[in-house]
N, C-alpha and C. Protein backbone atom coordinates (compact mmCIF):
# COMPACT_ATOMS: atom_id res chain seq x y z
N MET A 1 92.59 68.84 136.53
CA MET A 1 91.90 69.02 135.27
C MET A 1 91.61 70.50 135.10
N THR A 2 91.88 71.05 133.94
CA THR A 2 91.65 72.45 133.68
C THR A 2 90.80 72.59 132.43
N GLY A 3 89.83 73.49 132.46
CA GLY A 3 88.98 73.71 131.31
C GLY A 3 88.91 75.17 130.96
N SER A 4 88.50 75.46 129.72
CA SER A 4 88.40 76.85 129.33
C SER A 4 87.08 77.15 128.65
N GLY A 5 86.35 76.16 128.20
CA GLY A 5 85.08 76.37 127.54
C GLY A 5 83.92 76.11 128.47
N PRO A 6 82.69 76.37 128.02
CA PRO A 6 81.52 76.12 128.86
C PRO A 6 81.46 74.67 129.33
N GLY A 7 81.17 74.48 130.59
CA GLY A 7 81.04 73.15 131.14
C GLY A 7 82.34 72.42 131.40
N GLU A 8 83.47 73.05 131.12
CA GLU A 8 84.76 72.41 131.37
C GLU A 8 85.29 72.90 132.70
N GLY A 9 84.99 72.17 133.76
CA GLY A 9 85.35 72.58 135.10
C GLY A 9 86.82 72.43 135.41
N THR A 10 87.24 73.04 136.53
CA THR A 10 88.62 72.94 136.97
C THR A 10 88.63 72.52 138.43
N ASP A 11 89.79 72.10 138.91
CA ASP A 11 89.94 71.74 140.32
C ASP A 11 88.91 70.71 140.78
N ILE A 12 88.85 69.59 140.13
CA ILE A 12 87.87 68.55 140.48
C ILE A 12 88.48 67.64 141.54
N LYS A 13 87.72 67.42 142.63
CA LYS A 13 88.18 66.58 143.73
C LYS A 13 87.03 65.67 144.16
N ARG A 14 87.27 64.36 144.18
CA ARG A 14 86.27 63.40 144.66
C ARG A 14 86.46 63.19 146.16
N LEU A 15 85.35 63.06 146.89
CA LEU A 15 85.40 62.83 148.32
C LEU A 15 84.09 62.22 148.80
N SER A 16 83.97 62.01 150.09
CA SER A 16 82.76 61.50 150.70
C SER A 16 82.26 62.54 151.70
N VAL A 17 80.96 62.80 151.67
CA VAL A 17 80.34 63.76 152.59
C VAL A 17 79.19 63.05 153.29
N LEU A 18 79.29 62.91 154.60
CA LEU A 18 78.27 62.21 155.39
C LEU A 18 78.00 60.81 154.83
N GLY A 19 79.06 60.14 154.37
CA GLY A 19 78.93 58.78 153.84
C GLY A 19 78.36 58.72 152.44
N ARG A 20 78.26 59.86 151.77
CA ARG A 20 77.72 59.91 150.41
C ARG A 20 78.83 60.32 149.44
N PRO A 21 78.86 59.71 148.23
CA PRO A 21 79.85 60.14 147.24
C PRO A 21 79.64 61.61 146.89
N ALA A 22 80.73 62.33 146.68
CA ALA A 22 80.64 63.77 146.40
C ALA A 22 81.79 64.20 145.50
N VAL A 23 81.60 65.35 144.86
CA VAL A 23 82.62 65.94 143.99
C VAL A 23 82.65 67.44 144.23
N LEU A 24 83.84 67.98 144.40
CA LEU A 24 84.06 69.43 144.45
C LEU A 24 84.60 69.84 143.09
N SER A 25 84.07 70.93 142.52
CA SER A 25 84.55 71.41 141.22
C SER A 25 84.43 72.92 141.14
N SER A 26 85.13 73.50 140.18
CA SER A 26 85.07 74.94 139.94
C SER A 26 84.77 75.17 138.47
N ASP A 27 83.98 76.18 138.20
CA ASP A 27 83.69 76.58 136.83
C ASP A 27 83.12 77.99 136.86
N HIS A 28 83.13 78.64 135.73
CA HIS A 28 82.61 80.01 135.67
C HIS A 28 81.08 80.01 135.61
N THR A 29 80.49 81.01 136.24
CA THR A 29 79.05 81.24 136.14
C THR A 29 78.78 81.97 134.82
N MET A 30 77.50 82.18 134.52
CA MET A 30 77.12 82.98 133.35
C MET A 30 76.67 84.34 133.84
N SER A 31 76.91 85.35 133.04
CA SER A 31 76.54 86.71 133.38
C SER A 31 75.54 87.23 132.36
N ILE A 32 74.42 87.75 132.86
CA ILE A 32 73.41 88.35 131.99
C ILE A 32 72.78 89.52 132.73
N GLU A 33 72.48 90.57 132.02
CA GLU A 33 71.85 91.74 132.62
C GLU A 33 70.40 91.79 132.17
N ILE A 34 69.50 92.08 133.11
CA ILE A 34 68.08 92.19 132.80
C ILE A 34 67.60 93.55 133.27
N ASP A 35 66.98 94.31 132.37
CA ASP A 35 66.43 95.61 132.70
C ASP A 35 64.99 95.38 133.16
N LEU A 36 64.73 95.49 134.46
CA LEU A 36 63.40 95.24 134.99
C LEU A 36 62.39 96.30 134.57
N GLY A 37 62.87 97.46 134.13
CA GLY A 37 61.98 98.52 133.67
C GLY A 37 61.31 98.18 132.36
N THR A 38 62.03 97.52 131.45
CA THR A 38 61.47 97.18 130.14
C THR A 38 61.21 95.69 130.00
N GLY A 39 61.78 94.90 130.90
CA GLY A 39 61.60 93.45 130.83
C GLY A 39 62.52 92.78 129.84
N GLY A 40 63.37 93.54 129.15
CA GLY A 40 64.28 92.96 128.17
C GLY A 40 65.66 92.73 128.75
N SER A 41 66.43 91.92 128.05
CA SER A 41 67.80 91.68 128.52
C SER A 41 68.69 92.80 128.01
N GLY A 42 69.77 93.04 128.72
CA GLY A 42 70.66 94.12 128.39
C GLY A 42 71.80 93.71 127.48
N GLY A 43 71.78 92.53 126.95
CA GLY A 43 72.86 92.10 126.07
C GLY A 43 73.04 90.60 126.10
N PRO A 44 74.08 90.15 125.43
CA PRO A 44 74.32 88.70 125.36
C PRO A 44 74.81 88.14 126.70
N VAL A 45 74.69 86.84 126.82
CA VAL A 45 75.20 86.15 128.01
C VAL A 45 76.72 86.17 127.95
N GLY A 46 77.33 86.51 129.08
CA GLY A 46 78.79 86.57 129.16
C GLY A 46 79.31 85.62 130.21
N ARG A 47 80.60 85.65 130.39
CA ARG A 47 81.26 84.80 131.39
C ARG A 47 81.26 85.53 132.73
N GLY A 48 80.75 84.86 133.75
CA GLY A 48 80.70 85.43 135.08
C GLY A 48 81.86 84.97 135.94
N PRO A 49 81.79 85.27 137.23
CA PRO A 49 82.88 84.89 138.14
C PRO A 49 82.96 83.38 138.34
N LEU A 50 84.09 82.94 138.83
CA LEU A 50 84.32 81.54 139.13
C LEU A 50 83.47 81.12 140.33
N ALA A 51 82.87 79.94 140.26
CA ALA A 51 82.08 79.39 141.36
C ALA A 51 82.68 78.07 141.80
N ARG A 52 82.56 77.74 143.08
CA ARG A 52 82.98 76.45 143.63
C ARG A 52 81.71 75.69 143.97
N THR A 53 81.58 74.46 143.48
CA THR A 53 80.37 73.66 143.65
C THR A 53 80.70 72.34 144.32
N LEU A 54 79.86 71.97 145.28
CA LEU A 54 79.92 70.66 145.92
C LEU A 54 78.67 69.91 145.48
N SER A 55 78.86 68.79 144.77
CA SER A 55 77.76 67.93 144.35
C SER A 55 77.81 66.67 145.19
N VAL A 56 76.69 66.36 145.88
CA VAL A 56 76.64 65.22 146.80
C VAL A 56 75.48 64.31 146.43
N ALA A 57 75.72 63.01 146.38
CA ALA A 57 74.67 62.04 146.09
C ALA A 57 73.59 62.11 147.17
N LEU A 58 72.34 61.86 146.78
CA LEU A 58 71.23 61.93 147.73
C LEU A 58 71.21 60.77 148.71
N ASP A 59 71.94 59.69 148.40
CA ASP A 59 72.04 58.60 149.37
C ASP A 59 73.44 57.99 149.29
N GLY A 60 73.76 57.22 150.30
CA GLY A 60 75.09 56.63 150.42
C GLY A 60 75.42 55.61 149.35
N LYS A 61 74.41 55.03 148.71
CA LYS A 61 74.66 54.01 147.69
C LYS A 61 74.67 54.61 146.29
N ASP A 62 74.50 55.93 146.17
CA ASP A 62 74.55 56.64 144.90
C ASP A 62 73.62 56.01 143.87
N ARG A 63 72.34 55.87 144.26
CA ARG A 63 71.35 55.24 143.38
C ARG A 63 70.68 56.25 142.45
N GLY A 64 71.14 57.46 142.42
CA GLY A 64 70.59 58.46 141.52
C GLY A 64 70.19 59.72 142.25
N GLY A 65 70.40 60.82 141.64
CA GLY A 65 70.07 62.12 142.20
C GLY A 65 71.21 62.69 143.02
N TYR A 66 71.26 64.00 143.07
CA TYR A 66 72.31 64.67 143.83
C TYR A 66 71.84 66.05 144.23
N CYS A 67 72.58 66.65 145.13
CA CYS A 67 72.32 68.00 145.60
C CYS A 67 73.56 68.83 145.30
N ASP A 68 73.38 70.01 144.71
CA ASP A 68 74.49 70.92 144.44
C ASP A 68 74.45 72.09 145.40
N ILE A 69 75.60 72.45 145.92
CA ILE A 69 75.76 73.66 146.73
C ILE A 69 76.87 74.45 146.05
N SER A 70 76.54 75.67 145.58
CA SER A 70 77.52 76.50 144.86
C SER A 70 77.71 77.83 145.56
N VAL A 71 78.95 78.30 145.55
CA VAL A 71 79.29 79.59 146.15
C VAL A 71 80.17 80.35 145.17
N TRP A 72 79.90 81.64 145.03
CA TRP A 72 80.72 82.50 144.19
C TRP A 72 80.65 83.92 144.73
N SER A 73 81.56 84.76 144.25
CA SER A 73 81.53 86.16 144.63
C SER A 73 81.87 87.00 143.41
N ARG A 74 81.47 88.24 143.44
CA ARG A 74 81.75 89.13 142.31
C ARG A 74 83.24 89.29 142.08
N SER A 75 84.01 89.20 143.16
CA SER A 75 85.46 89.37 143.03
C SER A 75 86.13 88.17 142.38
N GLY A 76 85.43 87.03 142.37
CA GLY A 76 86.00 85.81 141.81
C GLY A 76 86.78 85.00 142.83
N ALA A 77 86.92 85.51 144.05
CA ALA A 77 87.62 84.76 145.11
C ALA A 77 86.76 83.60 145.57
N LEU A 78 87.33 82.43 145.63
CA LEU A 78 86.59 81.24 146.07
C LEU A 78 86.79 81.01 147.56
N PRO A 79 85.77 80.44 148.22
CA PRO A 79 85.92 80.14 149.64
C PRO A 79 86.80 78.90 149.82
N ASP A 80 87.25 78.70 151.02
CA ASP A 80 87.92 77.46 151.37
C ASP A 80 86.89 76.34 151.22
N ASP A 81 87.31 75.18 150.73
CA ASP A 81 86.38 74.06 150.55
C ASP A 81 85.68 73.68 151.85
N ARG A 82 86.31 73.94 152.98
CA ARG A 82 85.73 73.63 154.29
C ARG A 82 84.38 74.33 154.47
N ALA A 83 84.23 75.54 153.90
CA ALA A 83 82.97 76.27 154.01
C ALA A 83 81.84 75.50 153.33
N LEU A 84 82.09 74.96 152.14
CA LEU A 84 81.07 74.17 151.45
C LEU A 84 80.75 72.89 152.21
N LEU A 85 81.78 72.25 152.76
CA LEU A 85 81.56 71.02 153.53
C LEU A 85 80.76 71.30 154.79
N ASP A 86 81.00 72.43 155.44
CA ASP A 86 80.22 72.80 156.63
C ASP A 86 78.75 73.05 156.27
N ILE A 87 78.51 73.74 155.14
CA ILE A 87 77.13 73.98 154.70
C ILE A 87 76.44 72.65 154.40
N ALA A 88 77.13 71.76 153.70
CA ALA A 88 76.56 70.45 153.38
C ALA A 88 76.24 69.66 154.65
N GLY A 89 77.12 69.74 155.64
CA GLY A 89 76.89 69.03 156.90
C GLY A 89 75.65 69.52 157.62
N ALA A 90 75.30 70.79 157.42
CA ALA A 90 74.11 71.36 158.06
C ALA A 90 72.84 71.09 157.25
N VAL A 91 72.95 71.09 155.91
CA VAL A 91 71.77 70.99 155.04
C VAL A 91 71.39 69.56 154.69
N LEU A 92 72.37 68.72 154.36
CA LEU A 92 72.07 67.38 153.85
C LEU A 92 71.26 66.49 154.80
N PRO A 93 71.47 66.54 156.12
CA PRO A 93 70.66 65.69 156.98
C PRO A 93 69.15 65.98 156.88
N ALA A 94 68.78 67.17 156.42
CA ALA A 94 67.36 67.52 156.28
C ALA A 94 66.76 67.01 154.97
N ILE A 95 67.61 66.53 154.04
CA ILE A 95 67.12 65.99 152.77
C ILE A 95 67.00 64.49 152.92
N PRO A 96 65.78 63.95 152.79
CA PRO A 96 65.61 62.50 152.99
C PRO A 96 66.31 61.69 151.91
N GLU A 97 66.86 60.54 152.33
CA GLU A 97 67.45 59.63 151.36
C GLU A 97 66.34 59.06 150.49
N ARG A 98 66.69 58.72 149.26
CA ARG A 98 65.70 58.16 148.34
C ARG A 98 65.50 56.68 148.64
N THR A 99 64.28 56.23 148.44
CA THR A 99 64.00 54.81 148.58
C THR A 99 63.95 54.18 147.20
N VAL A 100 64.30 52.90 147.11
CA VAL A 100 64.27 52.18 145.84
C VAL A 100 62.97 51.39 145.79
N TRP A 101 62.26 51.53 144.65
CA TRP A 101 61.01 50.78 144.50
C TRP A 101 61.22 49.52 143.77
């Protein structure tokens, strides 16, 4: 899937991370400049570098909620997906699964 407008991601891949449904996707970030001296913005919002995002359900049954992990660089080079999966493997076990009431 390829997109060119806001919110139209590219390179979408479904997978499972630690037994939870997950999606890897790419999309551009937004770019804005803020002048801390005057507190005003330096211009309109522009298109920033490409980011790679891993969205993972908060529990294995996908009952609602998710965690996003995004990585980007000024050069626009994306990391190998393995880097995001390694980060998720370290961070997600610390996030408690949701209980159903």
